[in-house]
Amino acid sequence: AFKMPKETEKQINERSKAIQDGYK
């Protein structure tokens, strides 16, 4: 999840959600 792209706002949000889901 940390390696997901973060170029656009959509990508940033998707990455953030994936990280939070991953930690859960």
PDB file of all heavy atoms in Angstrom:
ATOM      1  N   ALA A   1       0.834  -1.206   0.000  1.00  0.00           N
ATOM      2  CA  ALA A   1       0.000   0.000   0.000  1.00  0.00           C
ATOM      3  C   ALA A   1       0.870   1.258   0.000  1.00  0.00           C
ATOM      4  O   ALA A   1       0.565   2.244  -0.676  1.00  0.00           O
ATOM      5  CB  ALA A   1      -0.936  -0.006   1.206  1.00  0.00           C
ATOM      6  N   PHE A   2       1.970   1.231   0.743  1.00  0.00           N
ATOM      7  CA  PHE A   2       2.870   2.384   0.795  1.00  0.00           C
ATOM      8  C   PHE A   2       3.533   2.650  -0.557  1.00  0.00           C
ATOM      9  O   PHE A   2       3.929   3.782  -0.844  1.00  0.00           O
ATOM     10  CB  PHE A   2       3.945   2.172   1.864  1.00  0.00           C
ATOM     11  CG  PHE A   2       3.537   2.641   3.229  1.00  0.00           C
ATOM     12  CD1 PHE A   2       3.181   1.730   4.210  1.00  0.00           C
ATOM     13  CD2 PHE A   2       3.493   3.997   3.528  1.00  0.00           C
ATOM     14  CE1 PHE A   2       2.793   2.164   5.477  1.00  0.00           C
ATOM     15  CE2 PHE A   2       3.115   4.441   4.788  1.00  0.00           C
ATOM     16  CZ  PHE A   2       2.755   3.520   5.763  1.00  0.00           C
ATOM     17  N   LYS A   3       3.629   1.625  -1.388  1.00  0.00           N
ATOM     18  CA  LYS A   3       4.286   1.770  -2.694  1.00  0.00           C
ATOM     19  C   LYS A   3       3.320   2.208  -3.795  1.00  0.00           C
ATOM     20  O   LYS A   3       3.709   2.378  -4.946  1.00  0.00           O
ATOM     21  CB  LYS A   3       4.949   0.441  -3.082  1.00  0.00           C
ATOM     22  CG  LYS A   3       6.153   0.110  -2.205  1.00  0.00           C
ATOM     23  CD  LYS A   3       6.713  -1.272  -2.533  1.00  0.00           C
ATOM     24  CE  LYS A   3       7.865  -1.617  -1.594  1.00  0.00           C
ATOM     25  NZ  LYS A   3       8.336  -3.006  -1.784  1.00  0.00           N
ATOM     26  N   MET A   4       2.042   2.371  -3.444  1.00  0.00           N
ATOM     27  CA  MET A   4       1.048   2.816  -4.433  1.00  0.00           C
ATOM     28  C   MET A   4       1.358   4.234  -4.904  1.00  0.00           C
ATOM     29  O   MET A   4       1.933   5.034  -4.149  1.00  0.00           O
ATOM     30  CB  MET A   4      -0.368   2.762  -3.827  1.00  0.00           C
ATOM     31  CG  MET A   4      -0.893   1.350  -3.645  1.00  0.00           C
ATOM     32  SD  MET A   4      -2.462   1.312  -2.707  1.00  0.00           S
ATOM     33  CE  MET A   4      -3.575   2.118  -3.882  1.00  0.00           C
ATOM     34  N   PRO A   5       0.988   4.565  -6.145  1.00  0.00           N
ATOM     35  CA  PRO A   5       1.278   5.916  -6.667  1.00  0.00           C
ATOM     36  C   PRO A   5       0.528   7.008  -5.900  1.00  0.00           C
ATOM     37  O   PRO A   5      -0.562   6.771  -5.372  1.00  0.00           O
ATOM     38  CB  PRO A   5       0.803   5.846  -8.126  1.00  0.00           C
ATOM     39  CG  PRO A   5      -0.168   4.711  -8.171  1.00  0.00           C
ATOM     40  CD  PRO A   5       0.312   3.722  -7.147  1.00  0.00           C
ATOM     41  N   LYS A   6       1.105   8.200  -5.850  1.00  0.00           N
ATOM     42  CA  LYS A   6       0.488   9.326  -5.136  1.00  0.00           C
ATOM     43  C   LYS A   6       0.690  10.629  -5.915  1.00  0.00           C
ATOM     44  O   LYS A   6       1.045  11.659  -5.357  1.00  0.00           O
ATOM     45  CB  LYS A   6       1.044   9.419  -3.715  1.00  0.00           C
ATOM     46  CG  LYS A   6       2.556   9.329  -3.612  1.00  0.00           C
ATOM     47  CD  LYS A   6       3.028   9.405  -2.170  1.00  0.00           C
ATOM     48  CE  LYS A   6       4.534   9.258  -2.100  1.00  0.00           C
ATOM     49  NZ  LYS A   6       5.058   9.368  -0.733  1.00  0.00           N
ATOM     50  N   GLU A   7       0.427  10.536  -7.225  1.00  0.00           N
ATOM     51  CA  GLU A   7       0.608  11.692  -8.109  1.00  0.00           C
ATOM     52  C   GLU A   7      -0.626  12.592  -8.115  1.00  0.00           C
ATOM     53  O   GLU A   7      -0.509  13.812  -8.139  1.00  0.00           O
ATOM     54  CB  GLU A   7       0.909  11.228  -9.553  1.00  0.00           C
ATOM     55  CG  GLU A   7       2.111  10.300  -9.690  1.00  0.00           C
ATOM     56  CD  GLU A   7       3.404  10.975  -9.298  1.00  0.00           C
ATOM     57  OE1 GLU A   7       3.568  12.174  -9.595  1.00  0.00           O
ATOM     58  OE2 GLU A   7       4.253  10.303  -8.668  1.00  0.00           O
ATOM     59  N   THR A   8      -1.802  11.996  -8.109  1.00  0.00           N
ATOM     60  CA  THR A   8      -3.044  12.765  -8.168  1.00  0.00           C
ATOM     61  C   THR A   8      -3.770  12.680  -6.826  1.00  0.00           C
ATOM     62  O   THR A   8      -3.451  11.840  -5.977  1.00  0.00           O
ATOM     63  CB  THR A   8      -3.982  12.222  -9.264  1.00  0.00           C
ATOM     64  OG1 THR A   8      -4.415  10.910  -8.885  1.00  0.00           O
ATOM     65  CG2 THR A   8      -3.272  12.148 -10.609  1.00  0.00           C
ATOM     66  N   GLU A   9      -4.777  13.547  -6.658  1.00  0.00           N
ATOM     67  CA  GLU A   9      -5.549  13.532  -5.410  1.00  0.00           C
ATOM     68  C   GLU A   9      -6.266  12.196  -5.236  1.00  0.00           C
ATOM     69  O   GLU A   9      -6.345  11.655  -4.125  1.00  0.00           O
ATOM     70  CB  GLU A   9      -6.568  14.678  -5.408  1.00  0.00           C
ATOM     71  CG  GLU A   9      -7.251  14.847  -4.057  1.00  0.00           C
ATOM     72  CD  GLU A   9      -8.169  16.063  -4.007  1.00  0.00           C
ATOM     73  OE1 GLU A   9      -8.018  16.956  -4.862  1.00  0.00           O
ATOM     74  OE2 GLU A   9      -9.030  16.096  -3.111  1.00  0.00           O
ATOM     75  N   LYS A  10      -6.781  11.661  -6.357  1.00  0.00           N
ATOM     76  CA  LYS A  10      -7.469  10.365  -6.307  1.00  0.00           C
ATOM     77  C   LYS A  10      -6.503   9.261  -5.846  1.00  0.00           C
ATOM     78  O   LYS A  10      -6.847   8.428  -5.011  1.00  0.00           O
ATOM     79  CB  LYS A  10      -8.046  10.029  -7.676  1.00  0.00           C
ATOM     80  CG  LYS A  10      -8.883   8.747  -7.686  1.00  0.00           C
ATOM     81  CD  LYS A  10      -9.327   8.377  -9.091  1.00  0.00           C
ATOM     82  CE  LYS A  10     -10.082   7.049  -9.059  1.00  0.00           C
ATOM     83  NZ  LYS A  10     -10.399   6.559 -10.409  1.00  0.00           N
ATOM     84  N   GLN A  11      -5.310   9.276  -6.420  1.00  0.00           N
ATOM     85  CA  GLN A  11      -4.306   8.277  -6.051  1.00  0.00           C
ATOM     86  C   GLN A  11      -3.908   8.413  -4.575  1.00  0.00           C
ATOM     87  O   GLN A  11      -3.746   7.415  -3.871  1.00  0.00           O
ATOM     88  CB  GLN A  11      -3.070   8.418  -6.943  1.00  0.00           C
ATOM     89  CG  GLN A  11      -3.265   7.933  -8.367  1.00  0.00           C
ATOM     90  CD  GLN A  11      -2.041   8.153  -9.224  1.00  0.00           C
ATOM     91  OE1 GLN A  11      -1.171   8.960  -8.894  1.00  0.00           O
ATOM     92  NE2 GLN A  11      -1.959   7.431 -10.337  1.00  0.00           N
ATOM     93  N   ILE A  12      -3.784   9.640  -4.116  1.00  0.00           N
ATOM     94  CA  ILE A  12      -3.422   9.886  -2.712  1.00  0.00           C
ATOM     95  C   ILE A  12      -4.488   9.315  -1.786  1.00  0.00           C
ATOM     96  O   ILE A  12      -4.183   8.652  -0.788  1.00  0.00           O
ATOM     97  CB  ILE A  12      -3.218  11.398  -2.455  1.00  0.00           C
ATOM     98  CG1 ILE A  12      -1.937  11.891  -3.150  1.00  0.00           C
ATOM     99  CG2 ILE A  12      -3.145  11.694  -0.953  1.00  0.00           C
ATOM    100  CD1 ILE A  12      -1.798  13.392  -3.210  1.00  0.00           C
ATOM    101  N   ASN A  13      -5.762   9.561  -2.135  1.00  0.00           N
ATOM    102  CA  ASN A  13      -6.872   9.054  -1.310  1.00  0.00           C
ATOM    103  C   ASN A  13      -6.943   7.533  -1.314  1.00  0.00           C
ATOM    104  O   ASN A  13      -7.164   6.910  -0.274  1.00  0.00           O
ATOM    105  CB  ASN A  13      -8.204   9.643  -1.802  1.00  0.00           C
ATOM    106  CG  ASN A  13      -8.326  11.122  -1.496  1.00  0.00           C
ATOM    107  OD1 ASN A  13      -7.682  11.623  -0.577  1.00  0.00           O
ATOM    108  ND2 ASN A  13      -9.138  11.824  -2.276  1.00  0.00           N
ATOM    109  N   GLU A  14      -6.748   6.951  -2.513  1.00  0.00           N
ATOM    110  CA  GLU A  14      -6.775   5.483  -2.633  1.00  0.00           C
ATOM    111  C   GLU A  14      -5.629   4.854  -1.845  1.00  0.00           C
ATOM    112  O   GLU A  14      -5.805   3.840  -1.174  1.00  0.00           O
ATOM    113  CB  GLU A  14      -6.696   5.071  -4.101  1.00  0.00           C
ATOM    114  CG  GLU A  14      -7.990   5.305  -4.862  1.00  0.00           C
ATOM    115  CD  GLU A  14      -7.867   4.994  -6.351  1.00  0.00           C
ATOM    116  OE1 GLU A  14      -6.717   4.773  -6.823  1.00  0.00           O
ATOM    117  OE2 GLU A  14      -8.904   4.987  -7.041  1.00  0.00           O
ATOM    118  N   ARG A  15      -4.460   5.486  -1.936  1.00  0.00           N
ATOM    119  CA  ARG A  15      -3.288   4.985  -1.213  1.00  0.00           C
ATOM    120  C   ARG A  15      -3.517   5.075   0.293  1.00  0.00           C
ATOM    121  O   ARG A  15      -3.239   4.129   1.046  1.00  0.00           O
ATOM    122  CB  ARG A  15      -2.052   5.801  -1.611  1.00  0.00           C
ATOM    123  CG  ARG A  15      -0.777   5.417  -0.875  1.00  0.00           C
ATOM    124  CD  ARG A  15       0.390   6.261  -1.402  1.00  0.00           C
ATOM    125  NE  ARG A  15       1.619   6.010  -0.667  1.00  0.00           N
ATOM    126  CZ  ARG A  15       1.977   6.657   0.446  1.00  0.00           C
ATOM    127  NH1 ARG A  15       1.168   7.600   0.950  1.00  0.00           N
ATOM    128  NH2 ARG A  15       3.121   6.380   1.043  1.00  0.00           N
ATOM    129  N   SER A  16      -4.044   6.217   0.741  1.00  0.00           N
ATOM    130  CA  SER A  16      -4.301   6.413   2.168  1.00  0.00           C
ATOM    131  C   SER A  16      -5.291   5.374   2.697  1.00  0.00           C
ATOM    132  O   SER A  16      -5.091   4.804   3.782  1.00  0.00           O
ATOM    133  CB  SER A  16      -4.845   7.824   2.399  1.00  0.00           C
ATOM    134  OG  SER A  16      -5.110   8.025   3.768  1.00  0.00           O
ATOM    135  N   LYS A  17      -6.344   5.129   1.924  1.00  0.00           N
ATOM    136  CA  LYS A  17      -7.344   4.132   2.336  1.00  0.00           C
ATOM    137  C   LYS A  17      -6.727   2.734   2.393  1.00  0.00           C
ATOM    138  O   LYS A  17      -6.973   1.966   3.331  1.00  0.00           O
ATOM    139  CB  LYS A  17      -8.540   4.137   1.380  1.00  0.00           C
ATOM    140  CG  LYS A  17      -9.660   3.186   1.826  1.00  0.00           C
ATOM    141  CD  LYS A  17     -10.823   3.189   0.847  1.00  0.00           C
ATOM    142  CE  LYS A  17     -11.960   2.292   1.363  1.00  0.00           C
ATOM    143  NZ  LYS A  17     -11.559   0.915   1.640  1.00  0.00           N
ATOM    144  N   ALA A  18      -5.922   2.409   1.389  1.00  0.00           N
ATOM    145  CA  ALA A  18      -5.280   1.089   1.343  1.00  0.00           C
ATOM    146  C   ALA A  18      -4.334   0.897   2.534  1.00  0.00           C
ATOM    147  O   ALA A  18      -4.273  -0.191   3.120  1.00  0.00           O
ATOM    148  CB  ALA A  18      -4.515   0.922   0.032  1.00  0.00           C
ATOM    149  N   ILE A  19      -3.627   1.957   2.898  1.00  0.00           N
ATOM    150  CA  ILE A  19      -2.709   1.885   4.055  1.00  0.00           C
ATOM    151  C   ILE A  19      -3.500   1.652   5.336  1.00  0.00           C
ATOM    152  O   ILE A  19      -3.150   0.786   6.151  1.00  0.00           O
ATOM    153  CB  ILE A  19      -1.858   3.168   4.161  1.00  0.00           C
ATOM    154  CG1 ILE A  19      -0.824   3.221   3.026  1.00  0.00           C
ATOM    155  CG2 ILE A  19      -1.147   3.241   5.518  1.00  0.00           C
ATOM    156  CD1 ILE A  19      -0.107   4.550   2.881  1.00  0.00           C
ATOM    157  N   GLN A  20      -4.588   2.408   5.516  1.00  0.00           N
ATOM    158  CA  GLN A  20      -5.413   2.259   6.719  1.00  0.00           C
ATOM    159  C   GLN A  20      -6.057   0.866   6.785  1.00  0.00           C
ATOM    160  O   GLN A  20      -6.069   0.228   7.841  1.00  0.00           O
ATOM    161  CB  GLN A  20      -6.485   3.352   6.769  1.00  0.00           C
ATOM    162  CG  GLN A  20      -5.952   4.724   7.141  1.00  0.00           C
ATOM    163  CD  GLN A  20      -5.325   4.746   8.534  1.00  0.00           C
ATOM    164  OE1 GLN A  20      -5.973   4.442   9.531  1.00  0.00           O
ATOM    165  NE2 GLN A  20      -4.051   5.094   8.600  1.00  0.00           N
ATOM    166  N   ASP A  21      -6.566   0.405   5.658  1.00  0.00           N
ATOM    167  CA  ASP A  21      -7.148  -0.947   5.607  1.00  0.00           C
ATOM    168  C   ASP A  21      -6.087  -2.001   5.909  1.00  0.00           C
ATOM    169  O   ASP A  21      -6.345  -2.988   6.608  1.00  0.00           O
ATOM    170  CB  ASP A  21      -7.765  -1.218   4.222  1.00  0.00           C
ATOM    171  CG  ASP A  21      -9.052  -0.424   3.990  1.00  0.00           C
ATOM    172  OD1 ASP A  21      -9.594   0.127   4.972  1.00  0.00           O
ATOM    173  OD2 ASP A  21      -9.498  -0.351   2.823  1.00  0.00           O
ATOM    174  N   GLY A  22      -4.887  -1.764   5.387  1.00  0.00           N
ATOM    175  CA  GLY A  22      -3.785  -2.696   5.610  1.00  0.00           C
ATOM    176  C   GLY A  22      -3.408  -2.782   7.081  1.00  0.00           C
ATOM    177  O   GLY A  22      -3.203  -3.874   7.617  1.00  0.00           O
ATOM    178  N   TYR A  23      -3.351  -1.628   7.733  1.00  0.00           N
ATOM    179  CA  TYR A  23      -3.015  -1.617   9.167  1.00  0.00           C
ATOM    180  C   TYR A  23      -4.106  -2.286  10.003  1.00  0.00           C
ATOM    181  O   TYR A  23      -3.818  -2.932  11.012  1.00  0.00           O
ATOM    182  CB  TYR A  23      -2.783  -0.189   9.655  1.00  0.00           C
ATOM    183  CG  TYR A  23      -1.361   0.291   9.461  1.00  0.00           C
ATOM    184  CD1 TYR A  23      -1.082   1.449   8.731  1.00  0.00           C
ATOM    185  CD2 TYR A  23      -0.292  -0.405  10.014  1.00  0.00           C
ATOM    186  CE1 TYR A  23       0.224   1.894   8.557  1.00  0.00           C
ATOM    187  CE2 TYR A  23       1.018   0.027   9.839  1.00  0.00           C
ATOM    188  CZ  TYR A  23       1.271   1.178   9.121  1.00  0.00           C
ATOM    189  OH  TYR A  23       2.573   1.601   8.935  1.00  0.00           O
ATOM    190  N   LYS A  24      -5.360  -2.120   9.573  1.00  0.00           N
ATOM    191  CA  LYS A  24      -6.454  -2.784  10.308  1.00  0.00           C
ATOM    192  C   LYS A  24      -6.326  -4.299  10.202  1.00  0.00           C
ATOM    193  O   LYS A  24      -6.502  -5.020  11.189  1.00  0.00           O
ATOM    194  CB  LYS A  24      -7.816  -2.323   9.777  1.00  0.00           C
ATOM    195  CG  LYS A  24      -8.205  -0.941  10.272  1.00  0.00           C
ATOM    196  CD  LYS A  24      -9.619  -0.560   9.836  1.00  0.00           C
ATOM    197  CE  LYS A  24     -10.023   0.784  10.424  1.00  0.00           C
ATOM    198  NZ  LYS A  24     -11.392   1.181  10.033  1.00  0.00           N
TER     199      LYS A  24
END
